[in-house]
């Protein structure tokens, strides 16, 4: 029997096919999402043109979300 859990990782460390829990996330929360976990299709890294800070856009099956690279997201893990 497997149990679905989540662990926090930085947005810059997310890989395609990772499943993320966006509930209560300030950058990604989508209360209209059809599925509990969003599957990452690709990640785009970029720098803010004003501050020069690194940012990440996560493109998922539930939409695309922009956030600072050091923002923590919840990744699904199976134990």
PDB file of N, CA and C in Angstrom:
ATOM      1  N   UNK A   1       0.840  -1.173   0.000  1.00  0.00           N
ATOM      2  CA  UNK A   1       0.000   0.000   0.000  1.00  0.00           C
ATOM      3  C   UNK A   1       0.892   1.245   0.000  1.00  0.00           C
ATOM      4  N   UNK A   2       0.561   2.218  -0.831  1.00  0.00           N
ATOM      5  CA  UNK A   2       1.344   3.451  -0.879  1.00  0.00           C
ATOM      6  C   UNK A   2       0.532   4.607  -0.311  1.00  0.00           C
ATOM      7  N   UNK A   3       1.242   5.573   0.221  1.00  0.00           N
ATOM      8  CA  UNK A   3       0.615   6.756   0.808  1.00  0.00           C
ATOM      9  C   UNK A   3       1.178   7.980   0.090  1.00  0.00           C
ATOM     10  N   UNK A   4       0.289   8.862  -0.358  1.00  0.00           N
ATOM     11  CA  UNK A   4       0.714  10.106  -0.991  1.00  0.00           C
ATOM     12  C   UNK A   4       1.018  11.145   0.081  1.00  0.00           C
ATOM     13  N   UNK A   5       2.218  11.703   0.034  1.00  0.00           N
ATOM     14  CA  UNK A   5       2.646  12.756   0.949  1.00  0.00           C
ATOM     15  C   UNK A   5       3.185  13.905   0.111  1.00  0.00           C
ATOM     16  N   UNK A   6       3.474  15.008   0.744  1.00  0.00           N
ATOM     17  CA  UNK A   6       4.127  16.110   0.041  1.00  0.00           C
ATOM     18  C   UNK A   6       5.364  16.536   0.815  1.00  0.00           C
ATOM     19  N   UNK A   7       6.351  17.048   0.068  1.00  0.00           N
ATOM     20  CA  UNK A   7       7.521  17.654   0.695  1.00  0.00           C
ATOM     21  C   UNK A   7       7.756  18.982  -0.001  1.00  0.00           C
ATOM     22  N   UNK A   8       8.313  19.921   0.701  1.00  0.00           N
ATOM     23  CA  UNK A   8       8.567  21.242   0.147  1.00  0.00           C
ATOM     24  C   UNK A   8       9.894  21.262  -0.599  1.00  0.00           C
ATOM     25  N   UNK A   9       9.854  21.816  -1.831  1.00  0.00           N
ATOM     26  CA  UNK A   9      11.066  22.003  -2.621  1.00  0.00           C
ATOM     27  C   UNK A   9      11.012  23.399  -3.248  1.00  0.00           C
ATOM     28  N   UNK A  10      12.169  23.919  -3.626  1.00  0.00           N
ATOM     29  CA  UNK A  10      12.221  25.216  -4.281  1.00  0.00           C
ATOM     30  C   UNK A  10      11.680  25.098  -5.697  1.00  0.00           C
ATOM     31  N   UNK A  11      11.006  26.143  -6.166  1.00  0.00           N
ATOM     32  CA  UNK A  11      10.433  26.150  -7.511  1.00  0.00           C
ATOM     33  C   UNK A  11      11.505  25.883  -8.570  1.00  0.00           C
ATOM     34  N   UNK A  12      12.720  26.362  -8.344  1.00  0.00           N
ATOM     35  CA  UNK A  12      13.790  26.154  -9.320  1.00  0.00           C
ATOM     36  C   UNK A  12      14.225  24.694  -9.413  1.00  0.00           C
ATOM     37  N   UNK A  13      13.830  23.859  -8.444  1.00  0.00           N
ATOM     38  CA  UNK A  13      14.205  22.449  -8.439  1.00  0.00           C
ATOM     39  C   UNK A  13      13.103  21.535  -8.973  1.00  0.00           C
ATOM     40  N   UNK A  14      11.984  22.106  -9.387  1.00  0.00           N
ATOM     41  CA  UNK A  14      10.876  21.318  -9.919  1.00  0.00           C
ATOM     42  C   UNK A  14      11.256  20.791 -11.299  1.00  0.00           C
ATOM     43  N   UNK A  15      10.911  19.539 -11.566  1.00  0.00           N
ATOM     44  CA  UNK A  15      11.194  18.910 -12.856  1.00  0.00           C
ATOM     45  C   UNK A  15       9.892  18.575 -13.576  1.00  0.00           C
ATOM     46  N   UNK A  16       9.947  18.488 -14.911  1.00  0.00           N
ATOM     47  CA  UNK A  16       8.767  18.020 -15.644  1.00  0.00           C
ATOM     48  C   UNK A  16       8.334  16.663 -15.110  1.00  0.00           C
ATOM     49  N   UNK A  17       7.063  16.449 -15.054  1.00  0.00           N
ATOM     50  CA  UNK A  17       6.373  15.249 -14.548  1.00  0.00           C
ATOM     51  C   UNK A  17       6.211  15.251 -13.031  1.00  0.00           C
ATOM     52  N   UNK A  18       6.829  16.206 -12.314  1.00  0.00           N
ATOM     53  CA  UNK A  18       6.559  16.325 -10.878  1.00  0.00           C
ATOM     54  C   UNK A  18       5.090  16.685 -10.697  1.00  0.00           C
ATOM     55  N   UNK A  19       4.511  16.188  -9.625  1.00  0.00           N
ATOM     56  CA  UNK A  19       3.133  16.529  -9.287  1.00  0.00           C
ATOM     57  C   UNK A  19       3.165  17.444  -8.070  1.00  0.00           C
ATOM     58  N   UNK A  20       2.470  18.587  -8.180  1.00  0.00           N
ATOM     59  CA  UNK A  20       2.519  19.603  -7.127  1.00  0.00           C
ATOM     60  C   UNK A  20       1.144  19.853  -6.537  1.00  0.00           C
ATOM     61  N   UNK A  21       1.132  20.119  -5.239  1.00  0.00           N
ATOM     62  CA  UNK A  21      -0.085  20.477  -4.510  1.00  0.00           C
ATOM     63  C   UNK A  21      -0.082  21.991  -4.345  1.00  0.00           C
ATOM     64  N   UNK A  22      -0.997  22.680  -5.042  1.00  0.00           N
ATOM     65  CA  UNK A  22      -1.040  24.131  -5.008  1.00  0.00           C
ATOM     66  C   UNK A  22      -2.040  24.682  -3.994  1.00  0.00           C
ATOM     67  N   UNK A  23      -2.633  23.838  -3.188  1.00  0.00           N
ATOM     68  CA  UNK A  23      -3.610  24.342  -2.224  1.00  0.00           C
ATOM     69  C   UNK A  23      -2.944  25.330  -1.272  1.00  0.00           C
ATOM     70  N   UNK A  24      -3.583  26.472  -1.101  1.00  0.00           N
ATOM     71  CA  UNK A  24      -3.108  27.544  -0.217  1.00  0.00           C
ATOM     72  C   UNK A  24      -1.777  28.164  -0.630  1.00  0.00           C
ATOM     73  N   UNK A  25      -1.352  27.979  -1.871  1.00  0.00           N
ATOM     74  CA  UNK A  25      -0.112  28.583  -2.344  1.00  0.00           C
ATOM     75  C   UNK A  25      -0.399  29.993  -2.840  1.00  0.00           C
ATOM     76  N   UNK A  26       0.373  30.965  -2.392  1.00  0.00           N
ATOM     77  CA  UNK A  26       0.108  32.366  -2.734  1.00  0.00           C
ATOM     78  C   UNK A  26       0.317  32.676  -4.209  1.00  0.00           C
ATOM     79  N   UNK A  27       1.125  31.897  -4.923  1.00  0.00           N
ATOM     80  CA  UNK A  27       1.379  32.154  -6.335  1.00  0.00           C
ATOM     81  C   UNK A  27       0.600  31.219  -7.257  1.00  0.00           C
ATOM     82  N   UNK A  28       0.210  30.062  -6.767  1.00  0.00           N
ATOM     83  CA  UNK A  28      -0.330  29.028  -7.653  1.00  0.00           C
ATOM     84  C   UNK A  28      -1.741  28.569  -7.333  1.00  0.00           C
ATOM     85  N   UNK A  29      -2.306  28.998  -6.254  1.00  0.00           N
ATOM     86  CA  UNK A  29      -3.589  28.440  -5.834  1.00  0.00           C
ATOM     87  C   UNK A  29      -4.639  28.588  -6.922  1.00  0.00           C
ATOM     88  N   UNK A  30      -5.300  27.497  -7.235  1.00  0.00           N
ATOM     89  CA  UNK A  30      -6.336  27.486  -8.268  1.00  0.00           C
ATOM     90  C   UNK A  30      -7.518  26.686  -7.730  1.00  0.00           C
ATOM     91  N   UNK A  31      -8.501  27.367  -7.153  1.00  0.00           N
ATOM     92  CA  UNK A  31      -9.637  26.664  -6.552  1.00  0.00           C
ATOM     93  C   UNK A  31     -10.569  26.056  -7.590  1.00  0.00           C
ATOM     94  N   UNK A  32     -10.341  26.346  -8.856  1.00  0.00           N
ATOM     95  CA  UNK A  32     -11.165  25.772  -9.913  1.00  0.00           C
ATOM     96  C   UNK A  32     -10.503  24.560 -10.574  1.00  0.00           C
ATOM     97  N   UNK A  33      -9.343  24.151 -10.079  1.00  0.00           N
ATOM     98  CA  UNK A  33      -8.621  23.030 -10.680  1.00  0.00           C
ATOM     99  C   UNK A  33      -9.423  21.744 -10.556  1.00  0.00           C
ATOM    100  N   UNK A  34      -9.323  20.913 -11.589  1.00  0.00           N
ATOM    101  CA  UNK A  34     -10.057  19.648 -11.613  1.00  0.00           C
ATOM    102  C   UNK A  34      -9.381  18.555 -10.799  1.00  0.00           C
ATOM    103  N   UNK A  35      -8.088  18.655 -10.616  1.00  0.00           N
ATOM    104  CA  UNK A  35      -7.337  17.576  -9.982  1.00  0.00           C
ATOM    105  C   UNK A  35      -6.614  18.083  -8.746  1.00  0.00           C
ATOM    106  N   UNK A  36      -6.402  17.208  -7.790  1.00  0.00           N
ATOM    107  CA  UNK A  36      -5.739  17.591  -6.542  1.00  0.00           C
ATOM    108  C   UNK A  36      -4.289  18.001  -6.778  1.00  0.00           C
ATOM    109  N   UNK A  37      -3.586  17.303  -7.667  1.00  0.00           N
ATOM    110  CA  UNK A  37      -2.189  17.603  -7.948  1.00  0.00           C
ATOM    111  C   UNK A  37      -2.053  18.097  -9.381  1.00  0.00           C
ATOM    112  N   UNK A  38      -1.233  19.112  -9.580  1.00  0.00           N
ATOM    113  CA  UNK A  38      -0.951  19.633 -10.917  1.00  0.00           C
ATOM    114  C   UNK A  38       0.326  18.964 -11.429  1.00  0.00           C
ATOM    115  N   UNK A  39       0.282  18.425 -12.637  1.00  0.00           N
ATOM    116  CA  UNK A  39       1.448  17.797 -13.232  1.00  0.00           C
ATOM    117  C   UNK A  39       2.228  18.840 -14.031  1.00  0.00           C
ATOM    118  N   UNK A  40       3.514  18.951 -13.731  1.00  0.00           N
ATOM    119  CA  UNK A  40       4.367  19.930 -14.399  1.00  0.00           C
ATOM    120  C   UNK A  40       4.723  19.418 -15.792  1.00  0.00           C
ATOM    121  N   UNK A  41       4.486  20.256 -16.790  1.00  0.00           N
ATOM    122  CA  UNK A  41       4.823  19.922 -18.172  1.00  0.00           C
ATOM    123  C   UNK A  41       6.196  20.471 -18.548  1.00  0.00           C
ATOM    124  N   UNK A  42       6.494  21.686 -18.058  1.00  0.00           N
ATOM    125  CA  UNK A  42       7.829  22.263 -18.263  1.00  0.00           C
ATOM    126  C   UNK A  42       8.044  23.419 -17.291  1.00  0.00           C
ATOM    127  N   UNK A  43       9.298  23.801 -17.156  1.00  0.00           N
ATOM    128  CA  UNK A  43       9.682  24.900 -16.268  1.00  0.00           C
ATOM    129  C   UNK A  43      10.504  25.897 -17.075  1.00  0.00           C
ATOM    130  N   UNK A  44      10.190  27.181 -16.930  1.00  0.00           N
ATOM    131  CA  UNK A  44      10.945  28.237 -17.594  1.00  0.00           C
ATOM    132  C   UNK A  44      11.576  29.114 -16.518  1.00  0.00           C
ATOM    133  N   UNK A  45      12.880  29.308 -16.608  1.00  0.00           N
ATOM    134  CA  UNK A  45      13.590  30.164 -15.659  1.00  0.00           C
ATOM    135  C   UNK A  45      13.891  31.491 -16.338  1.00  0.00           C
ATOM    136  N   UNK A  46      13.761  32.585 -15.583  1.00  0.00           N
ATOM    137  CA  UNK A  46      13.998  33.914 -16.143  1.00  0.00           C
ATOM    138  C   UNK A  46      14.351  34.873 -15.026  1.00  0.00           C
ATOM    139  N   UNK A  47      14.774  36.067 -15.382  1.00  0.00           N
ATOM    140  CA  UNK A  47      15.150  37.083 -14.409  1.00  0.00           C
ATOM    141  C   UNK A  47      14.218  38.286 -14.528  1.00  0.00           C
ATOM    142  N   UNK A  48      13.795  38.807 -13.392  1.00  0.00           N
ATOM    143  CA  UNK A  48      12.963  39.999 -13.358  1.00  0.00           C
ATOM    144  C   UNK A  48      13.762  41.161 -13.943  1.00  0.00           C
ATOM    145  N   UNK A  49      13.199  41.862 -14.919  1.00  0.00           N
ATOM    146  CA  UNK A  49      13.899  42.939 -15.598  1.00  0.00           C
ATOM    147  C   UNK A  49      14.181  44.145 -14.730  1.00  0.00           C
ATOM    148  N   UNK A  50      13.458  44.293 -13.634  1.00  0.00           N
ATOM    149  CA  UNK A  50      13.653  45.451 -12.761  1.00  0.00           C
ATOM    150  C   UNK A  50      14.593  45.118 -11.604  1.00  0.00           C
ATOM    151  N   UNK A  51      14.296  44.022 -10.914  1.00  0.00           N
ATOM    152  CA  UNK A  51      15.095  43.674  -9.730  1.00  0.00           C
ATOM    153  C   UNK A  51      16.283  42.771 -10.041  1.00  0.00           C
ATOM    154  N   UNK A  52      16.232  42.061 -11.163  1.00  0.00           N
ATOM    155  CA  UNK A  52      17.292  41.112 -11.501  1.00  0.00           C
ATOM    156  C   UNK A  52      17.189  39.798 -10.754  1.00  0.00           C
ATOM    157  N   UNK A  53      16.128  39.645  -9.961  1.00  0.00           N
ATOM    158  CA  UNK A  53      15.939  38.416  -9.184  1.00  0.00           C
ATOM    159  C   UNK A  53      15.501  37.259 -10.091  1.00  0.00           C
ATOM    160  N   UNK A  54      15.952  36.030  -9.792  1.00  0.00           N
ATOM    161  CA  UNK A  54      15.533  34.877 -10.591  1.00  0.00           C
ATOM    162  C   UNK A  54      14.079  34.487 -10.295  1.00  0.00           C
ATOM    163  N   UNK A  55      13.344  34.191 -11.337  1.00  0.00           N
ATOM    164  CA  UNK A  55      11.959  33.740 -11.240  1.00  0.00           C
ATOM    165  C   UNK A  55      11.800  32.472 -12.045  1.00  0.00           C
ATOM    166  N   UNK A  56      10.703  31.770 -11.798  1.00  0.00           N
ATOM    167  CA  UNK A  56      10.383  30.530 -12.485  1.00  0.00           C
ATOM    168  C   UNK A  56       8.923  30.588 -12.916  1.00  0.00           C
ATOM    169  N   UNK A  57       8.649  30.089 -14.115  1.00  0.00           N
ATOM    170  CA  UNK A  57       7.268  29.858 -14.531  1.00  0.00           C
ATOM    171  C   UNK A  57       7.085  28.356 -14.630  1.00  0.00           C
ATOM    172  N   UNK A  58       6.110  27.835 -13.888  1.00  0.00           N
ATOM    173  CA  UNK A  58       5.774  26.416 -13.955  1.00  0.00           C
ATOM    174  C   UNK A  58       4.565  26.272 -14.864  1.00  0.00           C
ATOM    175  N   UNK A  59       4.743  25.525 -15.937  1.00  0.00           N
ATOM    176  CA  UNK A  59       3.669  25.262 -16.884  1.00  0.00           C
ATOM    177  C   UNK A  59       3.107  23.885 -16.529  1.00  0.00           C
ATOM    178  N   UNK A  60       1.851  23.846 -16.103  1.00  0.00           N
ATOM    179  CA  UNK A  60       1.247  22.603 -15.629  1.00  0.00           C
ATOM    180  C   UNK A  60      -0.021  22.292 -16.416  1.00  0.00           C
ATOM    181  N   UNK A  61      -0.583  21.137 -16.146  1.00  0.00           N
ATOM    182  CA  UNK A  61      -1.845  20.771 -16.784  1.00  0.00           C
ATOM    183  C   UNK A  61      -3.016  21.569 -16.212  1.00  0.00           C
ATOM    184  N   UNK A  62      -2.767  22.408 -15.203  1.00  0.00           N
ATOM    185  CA  UNK A  62      -3.815  23.245 -14.610  1.00  0.00           C
ATOM    186  C   UNK A  62      -3.573  24.732 -14.866  1.00  0.00           C
ATOM    187  N   UNK A  63      -2.564  25.062 -15.654  1.00  0.00           N
ATOM    188  CA  UNK A  63      -2.259  26.454 -15.956  1.00  0.00           C
ATOM    189  C   UNK A  63      -0.789  26.741 -15.741  1.00  0.00           C
ATOM    190  N   UNK A  64      -0.388  27.989 -16.014  1.00  0.00           N
ATOM    191  CA  UNK A  64       1.003  28.424 -15.836  1.00  0.00           C
ATOM    192  C   UNK A  64       1.059  29.412 -14.682  1.00  0.00           C
ATOM    193  N   UNK A  65       2.107  29.297 -13.863  1.00  0.00           N
ATOM    194  CA  UNK A  65       2.225  30.100 -12.653  1.00  0.00           C
ATOM    195  C   UNK A  65       3.636  30.642 -12.520  1.00  0.00           C
ATOM    196  N   UNK A  66       3.752  31.941 -12.261  1.00  0.00           N
ATOM    197  CA  UNK A  66       5.045  32.603 -12.065  1.00  0.00           C
ATOM    198  C   UNK A  66       5.306  32.800 -10.577  1.00  0.00           C
ATOM    199  N   UNK A  67       6.573  32.590 -10.175  1.00  0.00           N
ATOM    200  CA  UNK A  67       6.944  32.734  -8.772  1.00  0.00           C
ATOM    201  C   UNK A  67       8.442  32.954  -8.653  1.00  0.00           C
ATOM    202  N   UNK A  68       8.894  33.518  -7.529  1.00  0.00           N
ATOM    203  CA  UNK A  68      10.345  33.627  -7.308  1.00  0.00           C
ATOM    204  C   UNK A  68      10.977  32.234  -7.290  1.00  0.00           C
ATOM    205  N   UNK A  69      12.207  32.140  -7.758  1.00  0.00           N
ATOM    206  CA  UNK A  69      12.891  30.837  -7.833  1.00  0.00           C
ATOM    207  C   UNK A  69      13.035  30.181  -6.469  1.00  0.00           C
ATOM    208  N   UNK A  70      13.109  30.981  -5.398  1.00  0.00           N
ATOM    209  CA  UNK A  70      13.291  30.400  -4.065  1.00  0.00           C
ATOM    210  C   UNK A  70      11.960  30.159  -3.339  1.00  0.00           C
ATOM    211  N   UNK A  71      10.845  30.245  -4.073  1.00  0.00           N
ATOM    212  CA  UNK A  71       9.538  29.975  -3.473  1.00  0.00           C
ATOM    213  C   UNK A  71       9.395  28.464  -3.253  1.00  0.00           C
ATOM    214  N   UNK A  72       8.901  28.073  -2.087  1.00  0.00           N
ATOM    215  CA  UNK A  72       8.696  26.653  -1.786  1.00  0.00           C
ATOM    216  C   UNK A  72       7.338  26.197  -2.290  1.00  0.00           C
ATOM    217  N   UNK A  73       7.345  25.071  -3.013  1.00  0.00           N
ATOM    218  CA  UNK A  73       6.105  24.439  -3.471  1.00  0.00           C
ATOM    219  C   UNK A  73       6.058  23.036  -2.886  1.00  0.00           C
ATOM    220  N   UNK A  74       4.862  22.458  -2.878  1.00  0.00           N
ATOM    221  CA  UNK A  74       4.684  21.123  -2.297  1.00  0.00           C
ATOM    222  C   UNK A  74       4.645  20.073  -3.386  1.00  0.00           C
ATOM    223  N   UNK A  75       5.648  19.201  -3.387  1.00  0.00           N
ATOM    224  CA  UNK A  75       5.782  18.131  -4.377  1.00  0.00           C
ATOM    225  C   UNK A  75       5.234  16.824  -3.805  1.00  0.00           C
ATOM    226  N   UNK A  76       4.480  16.112  -4.615  1.00  0.00           N
ATOM    227  CA  UNK A  76       3.928  14.808  -4.214  1.00  0.00           C
ATOM    228  C   UNK A  76       5.041  13.775  -4.172  1.00  0.00           C
ATOM    229  N   UNK A  77       5.079  13.033  -3.073  1.00  0.00           N
ATOM    230  CA  UNK A  77       5.987  11.895  -2.932  1.00  0.00           C
ATOM    231  C   UNK A  77       5.150  10.704  -2.474  1.00  0.00           C
ATOM    232  N   UNK A  78       5.561   9.532  -2.873  1.00  0.00           N
ATOM    233  CA  UNK A  78       4.836   8.311  -2.498  1.00  0.00           C
ATOM    234  C   UNK A  78       5.698   7.483  -1.577  1.00  0.00           C
ATOM    235  N   UNK A  79       5.137   7.134  -0.449  1.00  0.00           N
ATOM    236  CA  UNK A  79       5.865   6.332   0.545  1.00  0.00           C
ATOM    237  C   UNK A  79       5.205   4.979   0.649  1.00  0.00           C
TER     238      UNK A  79
END
